[in-house]
Amino acid sequence: MCLAYPYKIIEIKNEWTAVAEIEGVKTEISLHLLPEPVKEGDWVLVHVGFAIQKLSEKEALESLRAWDELLKQSQYSLE
């Protein structure tokens, strides 16, 4: 199983590298594994620094909501 998180591309550096952002966190990602070109403003799923799939904005926001819900459910007290 792999975990991937949606990021929005904010800068295309070159054919194989971009800067992506989510919740104010920016990271450089590789575009080597994408079967289609992307542009600034596109959403992608990122796994260990590699964009692995292009997403629609709707899919990205649904995924972010699911992550938020999962993280809320996994919170527990150490008391």
PDB file of N, CA and C in Angstrom:
ATOM      1  N   MET A   1       0.848  -1.170   0.000  1.00  0.00           N
ATOM      2  CA  MET A   1       0.000   0.000   0.000  1.00  0.00           C
ATOM      3  C   MET A   1       0.896   1.237   0.000  1.00  0.00           C
ATOM      4  N   CYS A   2       0.505   2.244  -0.744  1.00  0.00           N
ATOM      5  CA  CYS A   2       1.246   3.501  -0.711  1.00  0.00           C
ATOM      6  C   CYS A   2       0.288   4.613  -0.307  1.00  0.00           C
ATOM      7  N   LEU A   3       0.850   5.640   0.280  1.00  0.00           N
ATOM      8  CA  LEU A   3       0.073   6.810   0.658  1.00  0.00           C
ATOM      9  C   LEU A   3       0.498   7.974  -0.221  1.00  0.00           C
ATOM     10  N   ALA A   4      -0.470   8.643  -0.778  1.00  0.00           N
ATOM     11  CA  ALA A   4      -0.196   9.797  -1.627  1.00  0.00           C
ATOM     12  C   ALA A   4      -1.113  10.927  -1.194  1.00  0.00           C
ATOM     13  N   TYR A   5      -0.615  12.147  -1.307  1.00  0.00           N
ATOM     14  CA  TYR A   5      -1.343  13.317  -0.843  1.00  0.00           C
ATOM     15  C   TYR A   5      -1.468  14.305  -1.996  1.00  0.00           C
ATOM     16  N   PRO A   6      -2.618  14.940  -2.144  1.00  0.00           N
ATOM     17  CA  PRO A   6      -2.787  15.894  -3.247  1.00  0.00           C
ATOM     18  C   PRO A   6      -2.057  17.211  -2.990  1.00  0.00           C
ATOM     19  N   TYR A   7      -1.387  17.679  -4.006  1.00  0.00           N
ATOM     20  CA  TYR A   7      -0.692  18.965  -3.983  1.00  0.00           C
ATOM     21  C   TYR A   7      -1.098  19.760  -5.216  1.00  0.00           C
ATOM     22  N   LYS A   8      -1.051  21.074  -5.082  1.00  0.00           N
ATOM     23  CA  LYS A   8      -1.329  21.956  -6.221  1.00  0.00           C
ATOM     24  C   LYS A   8      -0.001  22.463  -6.769  1.00  0.00           C
ATOM     25  N   ILE A   9       0.182  22.344  -8.069  1.00  0.00           N
ATOM     26  CA  ILE A   9       1.408  22.812  -8.704  1.00  0.00           C
ATOM     27  C   ILE A   9       1.376  24.341  -8.779  1.00  0.00           C
ATOM     28  N   ILE A  10       2.414  24.959  -8.233  1.00  0.00           N
ATOM     29  CA  ILE A  10       2.467  26.421  -8.241  1.00  0.00           C
ATOM     30  C   ILE A  10       3.574  26.964  -9.141  1.00  0.00           C
ATOM     31  N   GLU A  11       4.512  26.097  -9.531  1.00  0.00           N
ATOM     32  CA  GLU A  11       5.585  26.540 -10.422  1.00  0.00           C
ATOM     33  C   GLU A  11       6.136  25.341 -11.184  1.00  0.00           C
ATOM     34  N   ILE A  12       6.268  25.487 -12.486  1.00  0.00           N
ATOM     35  CA  ILE A  12       6.939  24.484 -13.300  1.00  0.00           C
ATOM     36  C   ILE A  12       8.380  24.958 -13.458  1.00  0.00           C
ATOM     37  N   LYS A  13       9.326  24.179 -12.932  1.00  0.00           N
ATOM     38  CA  LYS A  13      10.741  24.568 -13.002  1.00  0.00           C
ATOM     39  C   LYS A  13      11.362  24.158 -14.329  1.00  0.00           C
ATOM     40  N   ASN A  14      11.031  22.950 -14.786  1.00  0.00           N
ATOM     41  CA  ASN A  14      11.497  22.455 -16.079  1.00  0.00           C
ATOM     42  C   ASN A  14      10.603  21.272 -16.466  1.00  0.00           C
ATOM     43  N   GLU A  15      10.984  20.570 -17.487  1.00  0.00           N
ATOM     44  CA  GLU A  15      10.148  19.469 -17.993  1.00  0.00           C
ATOM     45  C   GLU A  15       9.896  18.383 -16.941  1.00  0.00           C
ATOM     46  N   TRP A  16      10.817  18.207 -15.988  1.00  0.00           N
ATOM     47  CA  TRP A  16      10.742  17.094 -15.058  1.00  0.00           C
ATOM     48  C   TRP A  16      10.563  17.473 -13.597  1.00  0.00           C
ATOM     49  N   THR A  17      10.513  18.780 -13.302  1.00  0.00           N
ATOM     50  CA  THR A  17      10.463  19.224 -11.905  1.00  0.00           C
ATOM     51  C   THR A  17       9.476  20.372 -11.746  1.00  0.00           C
ATOM     52  N   ALA A  18       8.783  20.357 -10.607  1.00  0.00           N
ATOM     53  CA  ALA A  18       7.840  21.434 -10.298  1.00  0.00           C
ATOM     54  C   ALA A  18       7.887  21.717  -8.797  1.00  0.00           C
ATOM     55  N   VAL A  19       7.329  22.852  -8.424  1.00  0.00           N
ATOM     56  CA  VAL A  19       7.121  23.170  -7.014  1.00  0.00           C
ATOM     57  C   VAL A  19       5.622  23.039  -6.775  1.00  0.00           C
ATOM     58  N   ALA A  20       5.272  22.298  -5.727  1.00  0.00           N
ATOM     59  CA  ALA A  20       3.869  22.081  -5.388  1.00  0.00           C
ATOM     60  C   ALA A  20       3.632  22.523  -3.957  1.00  0.00           C
ATOM     61  N   GLU A  21       2.366  22.853  -3.646  1.00  0.00           N
ATOM     62  CA  GLU A  21       2.041  23.386  -2.330  1.00  0.00           C
ATOM     63  C   GLU A  21       0.727  22.808  -1.827  1.00  0.00           C
ATOM     64  N   ILE A  22       0.695  22.601  -0.517  1.00  0.00           N
ATOM     65  CA  ILE A  22      -0.556  22.257   0.152  1.00  0.00           C
ATOM     66  C   ILE A  22      -0.492  22.832   1.559  1.00  0.00           C
ATOM     67  N   GLU A  23      -1.525  23.557   1.936  1.00  0.00           N
ATOM     68  CA  GLU A  23      -1.644  24.157   3.260  1.00  0.00           C
ATOM     69  C   GLU A  23      -0.400  24.956   3.637  1.00  0.00           C
ATOM     70  N   GLY A  24       0.150  25.695   2.678  1.00  0.00           N
ATOM     71  CA  GLY A  24       1.306  26.550   2.926  1.00  0.00           C
ATOM     72  C   GLY A  24       2.651  25.850   2.877  1.00  0.00           C
ATOM     73  N   VAL A  25       2.648  24.543   2.709  1.00  0.00           N
ATOM     74  CA  VAL A  25       3.894  23.779   2.630  1.00  0.00           C
ATOM     75  C   VAL A  25       4.262  23.605   1.157  1.00  0.00           C
ATOM     76  N   LYS A  26       5.440  24.108   0.793  1.00  0.00           N
ATOM     77  CA  LYS A  26       5.906  23.984  -0.586  1.00  0.00           C
ATOM     78  C   LYS A  26       6.993  22.918  -0.649  1.00  0.00           C
ATOM     79  N   THR A  27       6.978  22.159  -1.717  1.00  0.00           N
ATOM     80  CA  THR A  27       7.991  21.125  -1.911  1.00  0.00           C
ATOM     81  C   THR A  27       8.276  20.960  -3.396  1.00  0.00           C
ATOM     82  N   GLU A  28       9.504  20.604  -3.696  1.00  0.00           N
ATOM     83  CA  GLU A  28       9.865  20.328  -5.072  1.00  0.00           C
ATOM     84  C   GLU A  28       9.503  18.875  -5.368  1.00  0.00           C
ATOM     85  N   ILE A  29       8.846  18.646  -6.482  1.00  0.00           N
ATOM     86  CA  ILE A  29       8.411  17.302  -6.840  1.00  0.00           C
ATOM     87  C   ILE A  29       8.920  16.931  -8.226  1.00  0.00           C
ATOM     88  N   SER A  30       9.023  15.630  -8.437  1.00  0.00           N
ATOM     89  CA  SER A  30       9.419  15.100  -9.735  1.00  0.00           C
ATOM     90  C   SER A  30       8.174  14.817 -10.571  1.00  0.00           C
ATOM     91  N   LEU A  31       8.268  15.115 -11.858  1.00  0.00           N
ATOM     92  CA  LEU A  31       7.164  14.859 -12.787  1.00  0.00           C
ATOM     93  C   LEU A  31       7.439  13.646 -13.675  1.00  0.00           C
ATOM     94  N   HIS A  32       8.515  12.918 -13.401  1.00  0.00           N
ATOM     95  CA  HIS A  32       8.940  11.804 -14.245  1.00  0.00           C
ATOM     96  C   HIS A  32       7.883  10.711 -14.418  1.00  0.00           C
ATOM     97  N   LEU A  33       7.052  10.479 -13.429  1.00  0.00           N
ATOM     98  CA  LEU A  33       6.111   9.358 -13.485  1.00  0.00           C
ATOM     99  C   LEU A  33       4.739   9.712 -14.065  1.00  0.00           C
ATOM    100  N   LEU A  34       4.533  10.976 -14.386  1.00  0.00           N
ATOM    101  CA  LEU A  34       3.232  11.382 -14.934  1.00  0.00           C
ATOM    102  C   LEU A  34       3.128  11.048 -16.414  1.00  0.00           C
ATOM    103  N   PRO A  35       2.022  10.443 -16.827  1.00  0.00           N
ATOM    104  CA  PRO A  35       1.849  10.103 -18.239  1.00  0.00           C
ATOM    105  C   PRO A  35       1.400  11.290 -19.092  1.00  0.00           C
ATOM    106  N   GLU A  36       1.061  12.397 -18.457  1.00  0.00           N
ATOM    107  CA  GLU A  36       0.572  13.561 -19.199  1.00  0.00           C
ATOM    108  C   GLU A  36       1.215  14.838 -18.652  1.00  0.00           C
ATOM    109  N   PRO A  37       1.333  15.860 -19.468  1.00  0.00           N
ATOM    110  CA  PRO A  37       1.917  17.114 -18.991  1.00  0.00           C
ATOM    111  C   PRO A  37       0.996  17.824 -18.000  1.00  0.00           C
ATOM    112  N   VAL A  38       1.592  18.635 -17.137  1.00  0.00           N
ATOM    113  CA  VAL A  38       0.832  19.430 -16.181  1.00  0.00           C
ATOM    114  C   VAL A  38       1.250  20.884 -16.313  1.00  0.00           C
ATOM    115  N   LYS A  39       0.417  21.745 -15.744  1.00  0.00           N
ATOM    116  CA  LYS A  39       0.708  23.185 -15.774  1.00  0.00           C
ATOM    117  C   LYS A  39       0.461  23.755 -14.378  1.00  0.00           C
ATOM    118  N   GLU A  40       0.888  24.979 -14.172  1.00  0.00           N
ATOM    119  CA  GLU A  40       0.632  25.645 -12.898  1.00  0.00           C
ATOM    120  C   GLU A  40      -0.867  25.697 -12.647  1.00  0.00           C
ATOM    121  N   GLY A  41      -1.260  25.375 -11.408  1.00  0.00           N
ATOM    122  CA  GLY A  41      -2.667  25.343 -11.045  1.00  0.00           C
ATOM    123  C   GLY A  41      -3.266  23.948 -11.055  1.00  0.00           C
ATOM    124  N   ASP A  42      -2.578  22.993 -11.712  1.00  0.00           N
ATOM    125  CA  ASP A  42      -3.065  21.614 -11.723  1.00  0.00           C
ATOM    126  C   ASP A  42      -2.838  20.957 -10.361  1.00  0.00           C
ATOM    127  N   TRP A  43      -3.657  19.962 -10.065  1.00  0.00           N
ATOM    128  CA  TRP A  43      -3.525  19.152  -8.851  1.00  0.00           C
ATOM    129  C   TRP A  43      -2.940  17.807  -9.223  1.00  0.00           C
ATOM    130  N   VAL A  44      -2.032  17.302  -8.360  1.00  0.00           N
ATOM    131  CA  VAL A  44      -1.434  15.989  -8.567  1.00  0.00           C
ATOM    132  C   VAL A  44      -1.360  15.238  -7.247  1.00  0.00           C
ATOM    133  N   LEU A  45      -1.386  13.916  -7.327  1.00  0.00           N
ATOM    134  CA  LEU A  45      -1.128  13.073  -6.158  1.00  0.00           C
ATOM    135  C   LEU A  45       0.376  12.897  -6.051  1.00  0.00           C
ATOM    136  N   VAL A  46       0.929  13.116  -4.856  1.00  0.00           N
ATOM    137  CA  VAL A  46       2.375  13.029  -4.653  1.00  0.00           C
ATOM    138  C   VAL A  46       2.679  11.915  -3.662  1.00  0.00           C
ATOM    139  N   HIS A  47       3.591  11.042  -4.067  1.00  0.00           N
ATOM    140  CA  HIS A  47       4.065   9.943  -3.214  1.00  0.00           C
ATOM    141  C   HIS A  47       5.590  10.006  -3.200  1.00  0.00           C
ATOM    142  N   VAL A  48       6.157  10.138  -2.016  1.00  0.00           N
ATOM    143  CA  VAL A  48       7.608  10.256  -1.788  1.00  0.00           C
ATOM    144  C   VAL A  48       8.307  11.167  -2.804  1.00  0.00           C
ATOM    145  N   GLY A  49       7.715  12.325  -3.032  1.00  0.00           N
ATOM    146  CA  GLY A  49       8.332  13.325  -3.894  1.00  0.00           C
ATOM    147  C   GLY A  49       8.049  13.189  -5.373  1.00  0.00           C
ATOM    148  N   PHE A  50       7.277  12.188  -5.750  1.00  0.00           N
ATOM    149  CA  PHE A  50       6.941  11.984  -7.157  1.00  0.00           C
ATOM    150  C   PHE A  50       5.455  12.212  -7.385  1.00  0.00           C
ATOM    151  N   ALA A  51       5.128  13.045  -8.362  1.00  0.00           N
ATOM    152  CA  ALA A  51       3.736  13.176  -8.787  1.00  0.00           C
ATOM    153  C   ALA A  51       3.394  11.897  -9.541  1.00  0.00           C
ATOM    154  N   ILE A  52       2.342  11.208  -9.091  1.00  0.00           N
ATOM    155  CA  ILE A  52       2.022   9.917  -9.705  1.00  0.00           C
ATOM    156  C   ILE A  52       0.717   9.934 -10.495  1.00  0.00           C
ATOM    157  N   GLN A  53      -0.085  10.991 -10.297  1.00  0.00           N
ATOM    158  CA  GLN A  53      -1.361  11.063 -11.021  1.00  0.00           C
ATOM    159  C   GLN A  53      -1.865  12.497 -10.999  1.00  0.00           C
ATOM    160  N   LYS A  54      -2.411  12.932 -12.116  1.00  0.00           N
ATOM    161  CA  LYS A  54      -3.062  14.231 -12.189  1.00  0.00           C
ATOM    162  C   LYS A  54      -4.492  14.077 -11.680  1.00  0.00           C
ATOM    163  N   LEU A  55      -4.977  15.065 -10.926  1.00  0.00           N
ATOM    164  CA  LEU A  55      -6.327  15.038 -10.367  1.00  0.00           C
ATOM    165  C   LEU A  55      -7.106  16.269 -10.804  1.00  0.00           C
ATOM    166  N   SER A  56      -8.414  16.142 -10.826  1.00  0.00           N
ATOM    167  CA  SER A  56      -9.245  17.331 -10.982  1.00  0.00           C
ATOM    168  C   SER A  56      -9.270  18.039  -9.625  1.00  0.00           C
ATOM    169  N   GLU A  57      -9.651  19.294  -9.612  1.00  0.00           N
ATOM    170  CA  GLU A  57      -9.745  20.017  -8.346  1.00  0.00           C
ATOM    171  C   GLU A  57     -10.759  19.339  -7.422  1.00  0.00           C
ATOM    172  N   LYS A  58     -11.861  18.868  -7.986  1.00  0.00           N
ATOM    173  CA  LYS A  58     -12.885  18.187  -7.184  1.00  0.00           C
ATOM    174  C   LYS A  58     -12.302  16.942  -6.510  1.00  0.00           C
ATOM    175  N   GLU A  59     -11.566  16.125  -7.283  1.00  0.00           N
ATOM    176  CA  GLU A  59     -10.949  14.919  -6.714  1.00  0.00           C
ATOM    177  C   GLU A  59      -9.948  15.273  -5.619  1.00  0.00           C
ATOM    178  N   ALA A  60      -9.170  16.319  -5.857  1.00  0.00           N
ATOM    179  CA  ALA A  60      -8.164  16.734  -4.871  1.00  0.00           C
ATOM    180  C   ALA A  60      -8.827  17.180  -3.572  1.00  0.00           C
ATOM    181  N   LEU A  61      -9.876  17.989  -3.677  1.00  0.00           N
ATOM    182  CA  LEU A  61     -10.553  18.479  -2.476  1.00  0.00           C
ATOM    183  C   LEU A  61     -11.258  17.350  -1.730  1.00  0.00           C
ATOM    184  N   GLU A  62     -11.830  16.388  -2.466  1.00  0.00           N
ATOM    185  CA  GLU A  62     -12.443  15.218  -1.821  1.00  0.00           C
ATOM    186  C   GLU A  62     -11.387  14.405  -1.075  1.00  0.00           C
ATOM    187  N   SER A  63     -10.227  14.252  -1.682  1.00  0.00           N
ATOM    188  CA  SER A  63      -9.138  13.509  -1.049  1.00  0.00           C
ATOM    189  C   SER A  63      -8.652  14.230   0.208  1.00  0.00           C
ATOM    190  N   LEU A  64      -8.535  15.552   0.137  1.00  0.00           N
ATOM    191  CA  LEU A  64      -8.113  16.325   1.311  1.00  0.00           C
ATOM    192  C   LEU A  64      -9.121  16.199   2.448  1.00  0.00           C
ATOM    193  N   ARG A  65     -10.404  16.217   2.115  1.00  0.00           N
ATOM    194  CA  ARG A  65     -11.434  16.032   3.149  1.00  0.00           C
ATOM    195  C   ARG A  65     -11.323  14.641   3.776  1.00  0.00           C
ATOM    196  N   ALA A  66     -11.072  13.636   2.957  1.00  0.00           N
ATOM    197  CA  ALA A  66     -10.923  12.274   3.476  1.00  0.00           C
ATOM    198  C   ALA A  66      -9.705  12.171   4.390  1.00  0.00           C
ATOM    199  N   TRP A  67      -8.595  12.787   4.003  1.00  0.00           N
ATOM    200  CA  TRP A  67      -7.407  12.800   4.859  1.00  0.00           C
ATOM    201  C   TRP A  67      -7.702  13.489   6.184  1.00  0.00           C
ATOM    202  N   ASP A  68      -8.383  14.637   6.130  1.00  0.00           N
ATOM    203  CA  ASP A  68      -8.724  15.364   7.357  1.00  0.00           C
ATOM    204  C   ASP A  68      -9.575  14.500   8.281  1.00  0.00           C
ATOM    205  N   GLU A  69     -10.556  13.814   7.715  1.00  0.00           N
ATOM    206  CA  GLU A  69     -11.428  12.957   8.515  1.00  0.00           C
ATOM    207  C   GLU A  69     -10.637  11.800   9.125  1.00  0.00           C
ATOM    208  N   LEU A  70      -9.796  11.191   8.345  1.00  0.00           N
ATOM    209  CA  LEU A  70      -8.976  10.089   8.834  1.00  0.00           C
ATOM    210  C   LEU A  70      -8.070  10.546   9.981  1.00  0.00           C
ATOM    211  N   LEU A  71      -7.469  11.704   9.821  1.00  0.00           N
ATOM    212  CA  LEU A  71      -6.570  12.209  10.863  1.00  0.00           C
ATOM    213  C   LEU A  71      -7.334  12.569  12.134  1.00  0.00           C
ATOM    214  N   LYS A  72      -8.544  13.101  11.993  1.00  0.00           N
ATOM    215  CA  LYS A  72      -9.371  13.409  13.170  1.00  0.00           C
ATOM    216  C   LYS A  72      -9.735  12.128  13.919  1.00  0.00           C
ATOM    217  N   GLN A  73     -10.067  11.070  13.187  1.00  0.00           N
ATOM    218  CA  GLN A  73     -10.458   9.808  13.800  1.00  0.00           C
ATOM    219  C   GLN A  73      -9.284   9.115  14.488  1.00  0.00           C
ATOM    220  N   SER A  74      -8.070   9.394  14.030  1.00  0.00           N
ATOM    221  CA  SER A  74      -6.917   8.700  14.587  1.00  0.00           C
ATOM    222  C   SER A  74      -6.335   9.414  15.802  1.00  0.00           C
ATOM    223  N   GLN A  75      -6.860  10.573  16.157  1.00  0.00           N
ATOM    224  CA  GLN A  75      -6.380  11.313  17.324  1.00  0.00           C
ATOM    225  C   GLN A  75      -6.741  10.547  18.596  1.00  0.00           C
ATOM    226  N   TYR A  76      -5.811  10.455  19.494  1.00  0.00           N
ATOM    227  CA  TYR A  76      -6.100   9.817  20.772  1.00  0.00           C
ATOM    228  C   TYR A  76      -5.310  10.505  21.869  1.00  0.00           C
ATOM    229  N   SER A  77      -5.722  10.325  23.068  1.00  0.00           N
ATOM    230  CA  SER A  77      -5.095  10.958  24.221  1.00  0.00           C
ATOM    231  C   SER A  77      -4.069  10.013  24.828  1.00  0.00           C
ATOM    232  N   LEU A  78      -2.950  10.563  25.272  1.00  0.00           N
ATOM    233  CA  LEU A  78      -1.937   9.767  25.949  1.00  0.00           C
ATOM    234  C   LEU A  78      -2.181   9.691  27.446  1.00  0.00           C
ATOM    235  N   GLU A  79      -3.266  10.290  27.921  1.00  0.00           N
ATOM    236  CA  GLU A  79      -3.576  10.270  29.359  1.00  0.00           C
ATOM    237  C   GLU A  79      -4.122   8.940  29.794  1.00  0.00           C
TER     238      GLU A  79
END
